[in-house]
């Protein structure tokens, strides 16, 4: 059964007008533009999501 993702504002979003929302999945995460949520989201497998977060935290992105 498909469950609707529960999105939250990313801590990396600068202002309320410039938001990226993130939802956790059992095996990864998804991101979407909060200004256009009806356009859908992009899902990432856990390995790719963790690699992305590691690079952001290290200042490489």
PDB file of N, CA and C in Angstrom:
ATOM      1  N   UNK A   1       0.843  -1.184   0.000  1.00  0.00           N
ATOM      2  CA  UNK A   1       0.000   0.000   0.000  1.00  0.00           C
ATOM      3  C   UNK A   1       0.887   1.247   0.000  1.00  0.00           C
ATOM      4  N   UNK A   2       0.590   2.180  -0.903  1.00  0.00           N
ATOM      5  CA  UNK A   2       1.349   3.431  -0.984  1.00  0.00           C
ATOM      6  C   UNK A   2       0.893   4.384   0.112  1.00  0.00           C
ATOM      7  N   UNK A   3       1.853   4.950   0.796  1.00  0.00           N
ATOM      8  CA  UNK A   3       1.549   5.910   1.857  1.00  0.00           C
ATOM      9  C   UNK A   3       2.049   7.292   1.430  1.00  0.00           C
ATOM     10  N   UNK A   4       1.225   8.313   1.610  1.00  0.00           N
ATOM     11  CA  UNK A   4       1.602   9.669   1.238  1.00  0.00           C
ATOM     12  C   UNK A   4       2.794  10.122   2.084  1.00  0.00           C
ATOM     13  N   UNK A   5       3.859  10.598   1.436  1.00  0.00           N
ATOM     14  CA  UNK A   5       5.022  11.063   2.204  1.00  0.00           C
ATOM     15  C   UNK A   5       4.668  12.268   3.077  1.00  0.00           C
ATOM     16  N   UNK A   6       5.316  12.360   4.219  1.00  0.00           N
ATOM     17  CA  UNK A   6       5.132  13.507   5.112  1.00  0.00           C
ATOM     18  C   UNK A   6       6.343  14.416   4.952  1.00  0.00           C
ATOM     19  N   UNK A   7       6.148  15.493   4.205  1.00  0.00           N
ATOM     20  CA  UNK A   7       7.240  16.408   3.913  1.00  0.00           C
ATOM     21  C   UNK A   7       7.420  17.428   5.031  1.00  0.00           C
ATOM     22  N   UNK A   8       8.666  17.846   5.218  1.00  0.00           N
ATOM     23  CA  UNK A   8       9.012  18.896   6.176  1.00  0.00           C
ATOM     24  C   UNK A   8       9.976  19.849   5.482  1.00  0.00           C
ATOM     25  N   UNK A   9      10.011  21.079   5.949  1.00  0.00           N
ATOM     26  CA  UNK A   9      10.922  22.074   5.370  1.00  0.00           C
ATOM     27  C   UNK A   9      12.366  21.682   5.688  1.00  0.00           C
ATOM     28  N   UNK A  10      13.203  21.748   4.694  1.00  0.00           N
ATOM     29  CA  UNK A  10      14.609  21.449   4.885  1.00  0.00           C
ATOM     30  C   UNK A  10      15.270  22.519   5.739  1.00  0.00           C
ATOM     31  N   UNK A  11      16.171  22.106   6.604  1.00  0.00           N
ATOM     32  CA  UNK A  11      16.913  23.067   7.434  1.00  0.00           C
ATOM     33  C   UNK A  11      17.860  23.907   6.580  1.00  0.00           C
ATOM     34  N   UNK A  12      18.086  23.507   5.330  1.00  0.00           N
ATOM     35  CA  UNK A  12      18.956  24.266   4.442  1.00  0.00           C
ATOM     36  C   UNK A  12      18.200  25.318   3.634  1.00  0.00           C
ATOM     37  N   UNK A  13      16.893  25.390   3.791  1.00  0.00           N
ATOM     38  CA  UNK A  13      16.118  26.404   3.087  1.00  0.00           C
ATOM     39  C   UNK A  13      16.348  27.761   3.740  1.00  0.00           C
ATOM     40  N   UNK A  14      16.638  28.746   2.931  1.00  0.00           N
ATOM     41  CA  UNK A  14      17.018  30.066   3.447  1.00  0.00           C
ATOM     42  C   UNK A  14      15.837  30.849   4.026  1.00  0.00           C
ATOM     43  N   UNK A  15      14.728  30.871   3.323  1.00  0.00           N
ATOM     44  CA  UNK A  15      13.582  31.654   3.767  1.00  0.00           C
ATOM     45  C   UNK A  15      12.302  30.886   3.481  1.00  0.00           C
ATOM     46  N   UNK A  16      11.194  31.415   3.960  1.00  0.00           N
ATOM     47  CA  UNK A  16       9.903  30.773   3.708  1.00  0.00           C
ATOM     48  C   UNK A  16       9.549  30.800   2.224  1.00  0.00           C
ATOM     49  N   UNK A  17      10.161  31.703   1.457  1.00  0.00           N
ATOM     50  CA  UNK A  17       9.878  31.803   0.027  1.00  0.00           C
ATOM     51  C   UNK A  17      10.788  30.932  -0.829  1.00  0.00           C
ATOM     52  N   UNK A  18      11.776  30.330  -0.232  1.00  0.00           N
ATOM     53  CA  UNK A  18      12.779  29.559  -0.958  1.00  0.00           C
ATOM     54  C   UNK A  18      12.937  28.206  -0.277  1.00  0.00           C
ATOM     55  N   UNK A  19      11.905  27.371  -0.382  1.00  0.00           N
ATOM     56  CA  UNK A  19      11.874  26.143   0.413  1.00  0.00           C
ATOM     57  C   UNK A  19      12.021  24.873  -0.406  1.00  0.00           C
ATOM     58  N   UNK A  20      12.820  24.001   0.126  1.00  0.00           N
ATOM     59  CA  UNK A  20      12.885  22.627  -0.334  1.00  0.00           C
ATOM     60  C   UNK A  20      12.326  21.801   0.806  1.00  0.00           C
ATOM     61  N   UNK A  21      11.435  20.879   0.482  1.00  0.00           N
ATOM     62  CA  UNK A  21      10.868  20.012   1.500  1.00  0.00           C
ATOM     63  C   UNK A  21      11.426  18.608   1.331  1.00  0.00           C
ATOM     64  N   UNK A  22      11.580  17.914   2.448  1.00  0.00           N
ATOM     65  CA  UNK A  22      12.161  16.581   2.478  1.00  0.00           C
ATOM     66  C   UNK A  22      11.196  15.631   3.181  1.00  0.00           C
ATOM     67  N   UNK A  23      11.109  14.421   2.680  1.00  0.00           N
ATOM     68  CA  UNK A  23      10.324  13.367   3.333  1.00  0.00           C
ATOM     69  C   UNK A  23      11.203  12.131   3.458  1.00  0.00           C
ATOM     70  N   UNK A  24      11.141  11.489   4.602  1.00  0.00           N
ATOM     71  CA  UNK A  24      11.891  10.250   4.811  1.00  0.00           C
ATOM     72  C   UNK A  24      11.077   9.069   4.313  1.00  0.00           C
ATOM     73  N   UNK A  25      11.740   8.161   3.640  1.00  0.00           N
ATOM     74  CA  UNK A  25      11.153   6.905   3.209  1.00  0.00           C
ATOM     75  C   UNK A  25      11.878   5.782   3.943  1.00  0.00           C
ATOM     76  N   UNK A  26      11.289   4.610   4.039  1.00  0.00           N
ATOM     77  CA  UNK A  26      11.983   3.504   4.705  1.00  0.00           C
ATOM     78  C   UNK A  26      13.346   3.187   4.089  1.00  0.00           C
ATOM     79  N   UNK A  27      13.479   3.386   2.769  1.00  0.00           N
ATOM     80  CA  UNK A  27      14.754   3.064   2.101  1.00  0.00           C
ATOM     81  C   UNK A  27      15.323   4.257   1.349  1.00  0.00           C
ATOM     82  N   UNK A  28      15.129   5.476   1.889  1.00  0.00           N
ATOM     83  CA  UNK A  28      15.658   6.653   1.221  1.00  0.00           C
ATOM     84  C   UNK A  28      14.924   7.911   1.630  1.00  0.00           C
ATOM     85  N   UNK A  29      14.859   8.858   0.712  1.00  0.00           N
ATOM     86  CA  UNK A  29      14.214  10.142   0.985  1.00  0.00           C
ATOM     87  C   UNK A  29      13.689  10.718  -0.327  1.00  0.00           C
ATOM     88  N   UNK A  30      12.853  11.746  -0.192  1.00  0.00           N
ATOM     89  CA  UNK A  30      12.319  12.442  -1.363  1.00  0.00           C
ATOM     90  C   UNK A  30      12.399  13.935  -1.112  1.00  0.00           C
ATOM     91  N   UNK A  31      12.526  14.700  -2.171  1.00  0.00           N
ATOM     92  CA  UNK A  31      12.545  16.161  -2.076  1.00  0.00           C
ATOM     93  C   UNK A  31      11.533  16.730  -3.064  1.00  0.00           C
ATOM     94  N   UNK A  32      11.009  17.905  -2.728  1.00  0.00           N
ATOM     95  CA  UNK A  32      10.092  18.609  -3.617  1.00  0.00           C
ATOM     96  C   UNK A  32      10.200  20.102  -3.361  1.00  0.00           C
ATOM     97  N   UNK A  33       9.701  20.867  -4.311  1.00  0.00           N
ATOM     98  CA  UNK A  33       9.640  22.325  -4.210  1.00  0.00           C
ATOM     99  C   UNK A  33       8.352  22.678  -3.471  1.00  0.00           C
ATOM    100  N   UNK A  34       8.465  23.349  -2.342  1.00  0.00           N
ATOM    101  CA  UNK A  34       7.278  23.660  -1.540  1.00  0.00           C
ATOM    102  C   UNK A  34       6.327  24.622  -2.252  1.00  0.00           C
ATOM    103  N   UNK A  35       6.841  25.393  -3.216  1.00  0.00           N
ATOM    104  CA  UNK A  35       5.983  26.318  -3.958  1.00  0.00           C
ATOM    105  C   UNK A  35       5.130  25.591  -4.999  1.00  0.00           C
ATOM    106  N   UNK A  36       5.529  24.378  -5.358  1.00  0.00           N
ATOM    107  CA  UNK A  36       4.827  23.610  -6.388  1.00  0.00           C
ATOM    108  C   UNK A  36       4.690  22.142  -5.975  1.00  0.00           C
ATOM    109  N   UNK A  37       4.100  21.857  -4.822  1.00  0.00           N
ATOM    110  CA  UNK A  37       4.030  20.472  -4.355  1.00  0.00           C
ATOM    111  C   UNK A  37       3.229  19.544  -5.268  1.00  0.00           C
ATOM    112  N   UNK A  38       2.284  20.084  -5.998  1.00  0.00           N
ATOM    113  CA  UNK A  38       1.476  19.245  -6.877  1.00  0.00           C
ATOM    114  C   UNK A  38       2.274  18.684  -8.053  1.00  0.00           C
ATOM    115  N   UNK A  39       3.443  19.253  -8.326  1.00  0.00           N
ATOM    116  CA  UNK A  39       4.280  18.751  -9.419  1.00  0.00           C
ATOM    117  C   UNK A  39       5.009  17.466  -9.048  1.00  0.00           C
ATOM    118  N   UNK A  40       4.910  17.044  -7.791  1.00  0.00           N
ATOM    119  CA  UNK A  40       5.509  15.781  -7.378  1.00  0.00           C
ATOM    120  C   UNK A  40       6.832  15.950  -6.658  1.00  0.00           C
ATOM    121  N   UNK A  41       7.508  14.845  -6.517  1.00  0.00           N
ATOM    122  CA  UNK A  41       8.778  14.828  -5.784  1.00  0.00           C
ATOM    123  C   UNK A  41       9.779  13.943  -6.514  1.00  0.00           C
ATOM    124  N   UNK A  42      11.025  14.049  -6.090  1.00  0.00           N
ATOM    125  CA  UNK A  42      12.088  13.192  -6.615  1.00  0.00           C
ATOM    126  C   UNK A  42      12.536  12.304  -5.467  1.00  0.00           C
ATOM    127  N   UNK A  43      12.468  10.996  -5.664  1.00  0.00           N
ATOM    128  CA  UNK A  43      12.873  10.039  -4.629  1.00  0.00           C
ATOM    129  C   UNK A  43      14.308   9.586  -4.864  1.00  0.00           C
ATOM    130  N   UNK A  44      15.036   9.392  -3.772  1.00  0.00           N
ATOM    131  CA  UNK A  44      16.424   8.934  -3.822  1.00  0.00           C
ATOM    132  C   UNK A  44      16.587   7.698  -2.949  1.00  0.00           C
ATOM    133  N   UNK A  45      17.306   6.681  -3.430  1.00  0.00           N
ATOM    134  CA  UNK A  45      17.604   5.535  -2.580  1.00  0.00           C
ATOM    135  C   UNK A  45      18.509   5.976  -1.420  1.00  0.00           C
ATOM    136  N   UNK A  46      18.489   5.223  -0.356  1.00  0.00           N
ATOM    137  CA  UNK A  46      19.242   5.583   0.853  1.00  0.00           C
ATOM    138  C   UNK A  46      20.721   5.832   0.566  1.00  0.00           C
ATOM    139  N   UNK A  47      21.352   5.017  -0.248  1.00  0.00           N
ATOM    140  CA  UNK A  47      22.786   5.193  -0.512  1.00  0.00           C
ATOM    141  C   UNK A  47      23.077   6.543  -1.158  1.00  0.00           C
ATOM    142  N   UNK A  48      22.242   6.948  -2.102  1.00  0.00           N
ATOM    143  CA  UNK A  48      22.446   8.241  -2.764  1.00  0.00           C
ATOM    144  C   UNK A  48      22.129   9.402  -1.819  1.00  0.00           C
ATOM    145  N   UNK A  49      21.081   9.261  -1.021  1.00  0.00           N
ATOM    146  CA  UNK A  49      20.703  10.310  -0.085  1.00  0.00           C
ATOM    147  C   UNK A  49      21.794  10.527   0.962  1.00  0.00           C
ATOM    148  N   UNK A  50      22.344   9.442   1.497  1.00  0.00           N
ATOM    149  CA  UNK A  50      23.411   9.565   2.495  1.00  0.00           C
ATOM    150  C   UNK A  50      24.677  10.169   1.889  1.00  0.00           C
ATOM    151  N   UNK A  51      24.989   9.808   0.655  1.00  0.00           N
ATOM    152  CA  UNK A  51      26.148  10.399  -0.023  1.00  0.00           C
ATOM    153  C   UNK A  51      25.947  11.896  -0.225  1.00  0.00           C
ATOM    154  N   UNK A  52      24.745  12.293  -0.627  1.00  0.00           N
ATOM    155  CA  UNK A  52      24.435  13.711  -0.805  1.00  0.00           C
ATOM    156  C   UNK A  52      24.592  14.467   0.512  1.00  0.00           C
ATOM    157  N   UNK A  53      23.991  13.951   1.582  1.00  0.00           N
ATOM    158  CA  UNK A  53      24.078  14.629   2.884  1.00  0.00           C
ATOM    159  C   UNK A  53      25.517  14.721   3.378  1.00  0.00           C
ATOM    160  N   UNK A  54      26.286  13.675   3.181  1.00  0.00           N
ATOM    161  CA  UNK A  54      27.698  13.692   3.584  1.00  0.00           C
ATOM    162  C   UNK A  54      28.473  14.787   2.858  1.00  0.00           C
ATOM    163  N   UNK A  55      28.221  14.933   1.559  1.00  0.00           N
ATOM    164  CA  UNK A  55      28.899  15.970   0.782  1.00  0.00           C
ATOM    165  C   UNK A  55      28.463  17.356   1.188  1.00  0.00           C
ATOM    166  N   UNK A  56      27.182  17.548   1.492  1.00  0.00           N
ATOM    167  CA  UNK A  56      26.707  18.855   1.956  1.00  0.00           C
ATOM    168  C   UNK A  56      27.359  19.199   3.287  1.00  0.00           C
ATOM    169  N   UNK A  57      27.357  18.245   4.211  1.00  0.00           N
ATOM    170  CA  UNK A  57      27.941  18.506   5.550  1.00  0.00           C
ATOM    171  C   UNK A  57      29.432  18.781   5.474  1.00  0.00           C
ATOM    172  N   UNK A  58      30.116  18.177   4.490  1.00  0.00           N
ATOM    173  CA  UNK A  58      31.548  18.399   4.325  1.00  0.00           C
ATOM    174  C   UNK A  58      31.865  19.675   3.556  1.00  0.00           C
ATOM    175  N   UNK A  59      30.830  20.380   3.085  1.00  0.00           N
ATOM    176  CA  UNK A  59      31.033  21.630   2.362  1.00  0.00           C
ATOM    177  C   UNK A  59      31.428  21.454   0.911  1.00  0.00           C
ATOM    178  N   UNK A  60      31.261  20.254   0.382  1.00  0.00           N
ATOM    179  CA  UNK A  60      31.633  20.006  -1.014  1.00  0.00           C
ATOM    180  C   UNK A  60      30.509  20.376  -1.979  1.00  0.00           C
ATOM    181  N   UNK A  61      29.314  20.610  -1.461  1.00  0.00           N
ATOM    182  CA  UNK A  61      28.177  21.001  -2.325  1.00  0.00           C
ATOM    183  C   UNK A  61      27.584  22.284  -1.835  1.00  0.00           C
TER     184      UNK A  61
END
